[in-house]
Amino acid sequence: MIAGVIVDLAVGLLCVVLGLLLWRKQKVSILHDYHYKNVKKEDIPAYARRMGIGLIVVGAGICLTGLLCLAESSLWWIPLLAGFILGIAVMFRAQKKYNGSLFS
C-alpha cells in the first residue's frame, strides 16, 4: 500500500512540476512537437498556460488520490477521476483552439 502512495505522489508531483514549467516558463518543448507545430508564435503564451494548468489539475488529482489512499479512504477514485476529466478537458480545448486540429 505504501508503495502505491509513493508512486501516486511521485507521479502527481511530476505532473505538477511539468505543468508549472509549461505554464510559467512556456517550455512547450515538454510536449511532443506535433502538439504545438501549428500554434502561432503569438499564441504560445496562452497555449502554454492552458496546457500547463490542465497538467497541474491532473497532477493534483493524482496527489490527492495518494493522500486519500494513505488515509485508507475508499473515496480515492473521486479526485483521480475529477482531475483527469477536468485536466484533459482543459488540454483538449487548448489543443483544439490553438493548434487548429486535434489529430494532425
N, C-alpha and C. Protein backbone atom coordinates (compact mmCIF):
# COMPACT_ATOMS: atom_id res chain seq x y z
N MET A 1 0.81 -1.19 0.00
CA MET A 1 0.00 0.00 0.00
C MET A 1 0.86 1.26 0.00
N ILE A 2 1.90 1.27 0.82
CA ILE A 2 2.74 2.47 0.92
C ILE A 2 3.47 2.73 -0.39
N ALA A 3 3.81 1.65 -1.10
CA ALA A 3 4.47 1.82 -2.39
C ALA A 3 3.54 2.51 -3.38
N GLY A 4 2.26 2.15 -3.36
CA GLY A 4 1.29 2.79 -4.24
C GLY A 4 1.13 4.27 -3.93
N VAL A 5 1.15 4.61 -2.64
CA VAL A 5 1.04 6.01 -2.23
C VAL A 5 2.26 6.79 -2.71
N ILE A 6 3.43 6.20 -2.57
CA ILE A 6 4.67 6.87 -3.01
C ILE A 6 4.64 7.08 -4.53
N VAL A 7 4.19 6.08 -5.26
CA VAL A 7 4.11 6.21 -6.72
C VAL A 7 3.09 7.28 -7.10
N ASP A 8 1.92 7.28 -6.45
CA ASP A 8 0.90 8.31 -6.72
C ASP A 8 1.46 9.70 -6.47
N LEU A 9 2.10 9.89 -5.34
CA LEU A 9 2.63 11.20 -5.01
C LEU A 9 3.75 11.61 -5.97
N ALA A 10 4.61 10.67 -6.33
CA ALA A 10 5.72 10.99 -7.24
C ALA A 10 5.20 11.36 -8.63
N VAL A 11 4.27 10.59 -9.15
CA VAL A 11 3.72 10.87 -10.48
C VAL A 11 2.93 12.18 -10.45
N GLY A 12 2.15 12.38 -9.39
CA GLY A 12 1.39 13.62 -9.27
C GLY A 12 2.28 14.84 -9.19
N LEU A 13 3.33 14.76 -8.39
CA LEU A 13 4.26 15.89 -8.28
C LEU A 13 5.01 16.13 -9.59
N LEU A 14 5.35 15.07 -10.29
CA LEU A 14 6.00 15.22 -11.60
C LEU A 14 5.08 15.96 -12.57
N CYS A 15 3.80 15.59 -12.58
CA CYS A 15 2.84 16.28 -13.46
C CYS A 15 2.70 17.75 -13.07
N VAL A 16 2.66 18.03 -11.77
CA VAL A 16 2.53 19.41 -11.31
C VAL A 16 3.77 20.22 -11.72
N VAL A 17 4.95 19.66 -11.52
CA VAL A 17 6.19 20.37 -11.88
C VAL A 17 6.26 20.61 -13.38
N LEU A 18 5.94 19.60 -14.18
CA LEU A 18 5.94 19.78 -15.63
C LEU A 18 4.89 20.80 -16.06
N GLY A 19 3.74 20.79 -15.40
CA GLY A 19 2.70 21.77 -15.70
C GLY A 19 3.15 23.18 -15.38
N LEU A 20 3.85 23.34 -14.25
CA LEU A 20 4.38 24.66 -13.89
C LEU A 20 5.43 25.14 -14.89
N LEU A 21 6.30 24.23 -15.31
CA LEU A 21 7.30 24.60 -16.33
C LEU A 21 6.62 25.01 -17.63
N LEU A 22 5.60 24.28 -17.99
CA LEU A 22 4.87 24.58 -19.21
C LEU A 22 4.16 25.92 -19.10
N TRP A 23 3.51 26.16 -17.98
CA TRP A 23 2.73 27.38 -17.79
C TRP A 23 3.61 28.60 -17.56
N ARG A 24 4.48 28.53 -16.57
CA ARG A 24 5.25 29.71 -16.17
C ARG A 24 6.44 30.00 -17.07
N LYS A 25 7.12 28.97 -17.53
CA LYS A 25 8.32 29.16 -18.35
C LYS A 25 8.04 29.00 -19.84
N GLN A 26 6.81 28.65 -20.19
CA GLN A 26 6.39 28.44 -21.58
C GLN A 26 7.30 27.45 -22.31
N LYS A 27 7.65 26.39 -21.66
CA LYS A 27 8.51 25.35 -22.25
C LYS A 27 7.63 24.35 -23.00
N VAL A 28 7.15 24.76 -24.16
CA VAL A 28 6.31 23.86 -24.95
C VAL A 28 7.10 22.66 -25.48
N SER A 29 8.40 22.72 -25.39
CA SER A 29 9.21 21.59 -25.83
C SER A 29 9.00 20.36 -24.93
N ILE A 30 8.35 20.54 -23.80
CA ILE A 30 7.98 19.41 -22.94
C ILE A 30 7.00 18.52 -23.69
N LEU A 31 6.16 19.14 -24.50
CA LEU A 31 5.17 18.42 -25.29
C LEU A 31 5.81 17.87 -26.55
N HIS A 32 5.17 16.90 -27.15
CA HIS A 32 5.65 16.40 -28.44
C HIS A 32 5.44 17.49 -29.48
N ASP A 33 6.33 17.59 -30.44
CA ASP A 33 6.28 18.72 -31.38
C ASP A 33 5.01 18.78 -32.21
N TYR A 34 4.36 17.65 -32.47
CA TYR A 34 3.13 17.73 -33.27
C TYR A 34 1.98 18.36 -32.50
N HIS A 35 2.13 18.49 -31.17
CA HIS A 35 1.09 19.15 -30.39
C HIS A 35 1.10 20.66 -30.56
N TYR A 36 2.24 21.22 -30.87
CA TYR A 36 2.33 22.67 -30.95
C TYR A 36 2.88 23.18 -32.28
N LYS A 37 3.02 22.32 -33.27
CA LYS A 37 3.64 22.76 -34.53
C LYS A 37 2.78 23.76 -35.30
N ASN A 38 1.46 23.75 -35.13
CA ASN A 38 0.59 24.69 -35.83
C ASN A 38 0.18 25.88 -34.96
N VAL A 39 0.71 25.97 -33.77
CA VAL A 39 0.37 27.09 -32.88
C VAL A 39 1.17 28.31 -33.31
N LYS A 40 0.49 29.43 -33.49
CA LYS A 40 1.16 30.67 -33.90
C LYS A 40 2.05 31.16 -32.77
N LYS A 41 3.13 31.84 -33.12
CA LYS A 41 4.08 32.36 -32.13
C LYS A 41 3.39 33.24 -31.09
N GLU A 42 2.45 34.07 -31.52
CA GLU A 42 1.78 34.98 -30.59
C GLU A 42 0.80 34.24 -29.67
N ASP A 43 0.43 33.01 -30.03
CA ASP A 43 -0.49 32.23 -29.21
C ASP A 43 0.22 31.29 -28.24
N ILE A 44 1.55 31.18 -28.34
CA ILE A 44 2.30 30.27 -27.47
C ILE A 44 2.06 30.55 -25.98
N PRO A 45 2.10 31.81 -25.49
CA PRO A 45 1.86 32.02 -24.06
C PRO A 45 0.49 31.52 -23.58
N ALA A 46 -0.55 31.80 -24.34
CA ALA A 46 -1.89 31.35 -23.94
C ALA A 46 -2.01 29.82 -24.03
N TYR A 47 -1.44 29.26 -25.07
CA TYR A 47 -1.46 27.81 -25.25
C TYR A 47 -0.70 27.12 -24.12
N ALA A 48 0.49 27.60 -23.81
CA ALA A 48 1.30 27.00 -22.75
C ALA A 48 0.60 27.14 -21.39
N ARG A 49 -0.05 28.28 -21.17
CA ARG A 49 -0.77 28.49 -19.91
C ARG A 49 -1.88 27.46 -19.74
N ARG A 50 -2.70 27.30 -20.76
CA ARG A 50 -3.82 26.36 -20.66
C ARG A 50 -3.35 24.91 -20.56
N MET A 51 -2.36 24.55 -21.34
CA MET A 51 -1.86 23.18 -21.27
C MET A 51 -1.21 22.91 -19.91
N GLY A 52 -0.48 23.90 -19.39
CA GLY A 52 0.14 23.76 -18.07
C GLY A 52 -0.89 23.62 -16.97
N ILE A 53 -1.93 24.43 -17.01
CA ILE A 53 -2.98 24.34 -16.00
C ILE A 53 -3.67 22.98 -16.06
N GLY A 54 -3.93 22.50 -17.25
CA GLY A 54 -4.54 21.18 -17.39
C GLY A 54 -3.66 20.09 -16.80
N LEU A 55 -2.37 20.17 -17.04
CA LEU A 55 -1.44 19.17 -16.49
C LEU A 55 -1.35 19.29 -14.96
N ILE A 56 -1.40 20.50 -14.43
CA ILE A 56 -1.38 20.69 -12.98
C ILE A 56 -2.63 20.09 -12.34
N VAL A 57 -3.78 20.26 -12.99
CA VAL A 57 -5.02 19.70 -12.45
C VAL A 57 -4.95 18.17 -12.43
N VAL A 58 -4.42 17.57 -13.47
CA VAL A 58 -4.25 16.12 -13.50
C VAL A 58 -3.31 15.68 -12.36
N GLY A 59 -2.19 16.38 -12.21
CA GLY A 59 -1.23 16.04 -11.16
C GLY A 59 -1.80 16.21 -9.77
N ALA A 60 -2.58 17.26 -9.56
CA ALA A 60 -3.20 17.48 -8.25
C ALA A 60 -4.18 16.36 -7.92
N GLY A 61 -4.93 15.92 -8.91
CA GLY A 61 -5.85 14.80 -8.69
C GLY A 61 -5.11 13.52 -8.32
N ILE A 62 -3.98 13.28 -8.95
CA ILE A 62 -3.19 12.08 -8.64
C ILE A 62 -2.61 12.20 -7.23
N CYS A 63 -2.11 13.39 -6.85
CA CYS A 63 -1.58 13.59 -5.50
C CYS A 63 -2.66 13.39 -4.44
N LEU A 64 -3.84 13.94 -4.68
CA LEU A 64 -4.94 13.76 -3.73
C LEU A 64 -5.34 12.30 -3.60
N THR A 65 -5.27 11.58 -4.70
CA THR A 65 -5.54 10.15 -4.66
C THR A 65 -4.56 9.44 -3.74
N GLY A 66 -3.29 9.77 -3.86
CA GLY A 66 -2.29 9.17 -2.99
C GLY A 66 -2.53 9.48 -1.53
N LEU A 67 -2.90 10.73 -1.23
CA LEU A 67 -3.16 11.11 0.15
C LEU A 67 -4.40 10.40 0.71
N LEU A 68 -5.42 10.25 -0.12
CA LEU A 68 -6.60 9.52 0.34
C LEU A 68 -6.31 8.04 0.54
N CYS A 69 -5.45 7.48 -0.29
CA CYS A 69 -5.05 6.08 -0.10
C CYS A 69 -4.26 5.93 1.20
N LEU A 70 -3.44 6.93 1.51
CA LEU A 70 -2.68 6.91 2.76
C LEU A 70 -3.62 6.95 3.96
N ALA A 71 -4.71 7.69 3.83
CA ALA A 71 -5.71 7.78 4.91
C ALA A 71 -6.67 6.59 4.87
N GLU A 72 -6.43 5.65 3.97
CA GLU A 72 -7.24 4.45 3.80
C GLU A 72 -8.71 4.76 3.53
N SER A 73 -8.93 5.77 2.72
CA SER A 73 -10.28 6.15 2.32
C SER A 73 -10.70 5.34 1.11
N SER A 74 -11.96 5.00 1.06
CA SER A 74 -12.48 4.27 -0.09
C SER A 74 -12.92 5.22 -1.20
N LEU A 75 -12.76 6.52 -0.99
CA LEU A 75 -13.16 7.51 -1.99
C LEU A 75 -11.98 8.03 -2.80
N TRP A 76 -10.91 7.25 -2.88
CA TRP A 76 -9.70 7.68 -3.59
C TRP A 76 -9.94 7.94 -5.06
N TRP A 77 -10.91 7.30 -5.64
CA TRP A 77 -11.16 7.40 -7.08
C TRP A 77 -11.79 8.73 -7.48
N ILE A 78 -12.41 9.44 -6.55
CA ILE A 78 -13.09 10.70 -6.88
C ILE A 78 -12.10 11.77 -7.36
N PRO A 79 -11.03 12.09 -6.60
CA PRO A 79 -10.11 13.10 -7.12
C PRO A 79 -9.35 12.64 -8.36
N LEU A 80 -9.11 11.35 -8.47
CA LEU A 80 -8.43 10.82 -9.66
C LEU A 80 -9.29 11.05 -10.90
N LEU A 81 -10.54 10.66 -10.81
CA LEU A 81 -11.46 10.82 -11.94
C LEU A 81 -11.70 12.30 -12.25
N ALA A 82 -11.94 13.10 -11.22
CA ALA A 82 -12.20 14.53 -11.42
C ALA A 82 -10.97 15.23 -12.02
N GLY A 83 -9.79 14.91 -11.50
CA GLY A 83 -8.57 15.51 -12.02
C GLY A 83 -8.34 15.18 -13.48
N PHE A 84 -8.54 13.92 -13.83
CA PHE A 84 -8.34 13.53 -15.23
C PHE A 84 -9.38 14.17 -16.14
N ILE A 85 -10.63 14.14 -15.75
CA ILE A 85 -11.67 14.70 -16.61
C ILE A 85 -11.47 16.20 -16.80
N LEU A 86 -11.27 16.93 -15.70
CA LEU A 86 -11.10 18.38 -15.81
C LEU A 86 -9.80 18.75 -16.53
N GLY A 87 -8.71 18.11 -16.15
CA GLY A 87 -7.41 18.43 -16.76
C GLY A 87 -7.36 18.11 -18.24
N ILE A 88 -7.85 16.96 -18.61
CA ILE A 88 -7.86 16.57 -20.02
C ILE A 88 -8.80 17.48 -20.81
N ALA A 89 -9.92 17.88 -20.20
CA ALA A 89 -10.85 18.79 -20.90
C ALA A 89 -10.18 20.14 -21.17
N VAL A 90 -9.43 20.66 -20.22
CA VAL A 90 -8.72 21.93 -20.41
C VAL A 90 -7.69 21.79 -21.52
N MET A 91 -6.92 20.71 -21.50
CA MET A 91 -5.91 20.50 -22.53
C MET A 91 -6.54 20.24 -23.90
N PHE A 92 -7.64 19.52 -23.93
CA PHE A 92 -8.34 19.24 -25.18
C PHE A 92 -8.82 20.54 -25.83
N ARG A 93 -9.42 21.42 -25.03
CA ARG A 93 -9.91 22.69 -25.56
C ARG A 93 -8.76 23.58 -26.04
N ALA A 94 -7.65 23.59 -25.30
CA ALA A 94 -6.49 24.38 -25.73
C ALA A 94 -5.93 23.84 -27.03
N GLN A 95 -5.84 22.54 -27.13
CA GLN A 95 -5.32 21.92 -28.35
C GLN A 95 -6.21 22.24 -29.54
N LYS A 96 -7.50 22.16 -29.33
CA LYS A 96 -8.45 22.44 -30.42
C LYS A 96 -8.40 23.91 -30.83
N LYS A 97 -8.31 24.81 -29.85
CA LYS A 97 -8.35 26.24 -30.14
C LYS A 97 -7.06 26.72 -30.81
N TYR A 98 -5.91 26.32 -30.28
CA TYR A 98 -4.65 26.90 -30.73
C TYR A 98 -3.91 26.09 -31.79
N ASN A 99 -4.13 24.79 -31.85
CA ASN A 99 -3.42 24.00 -32.84
C ASN A 99 -4.24 23.80 -34.10
N GLY A 100 -5.49 24.14 -34.04
CA GLY A 100 -6.33 24.04 -35.23
C GLY A 100 -6.90 22.67 -35.47
N SER A 101 -6.12 21.65 -35.25
CA SER A 101 -6.58 20.29 -35.45
C SER A 101 -6.15 19.45 -34.27
N LEU A 102 -7.01 18.58 -33.84
CA LEU A 102 -6.69 17.74 -32.68
C LEU A 102 -5.78 16.58 -33.04
N PHE A 103 -5.93 16.07 -34.22
CA PHE A 103 -5.21 14.83 -34.54
C PHE A 103 -4.34 14.95 -35.78
N SER A 104 -3.80 16.13 -36.01
CA SER A 104 -2.93 16.28 -37.18
C SER A 104 -1.48 16.08 -36.83
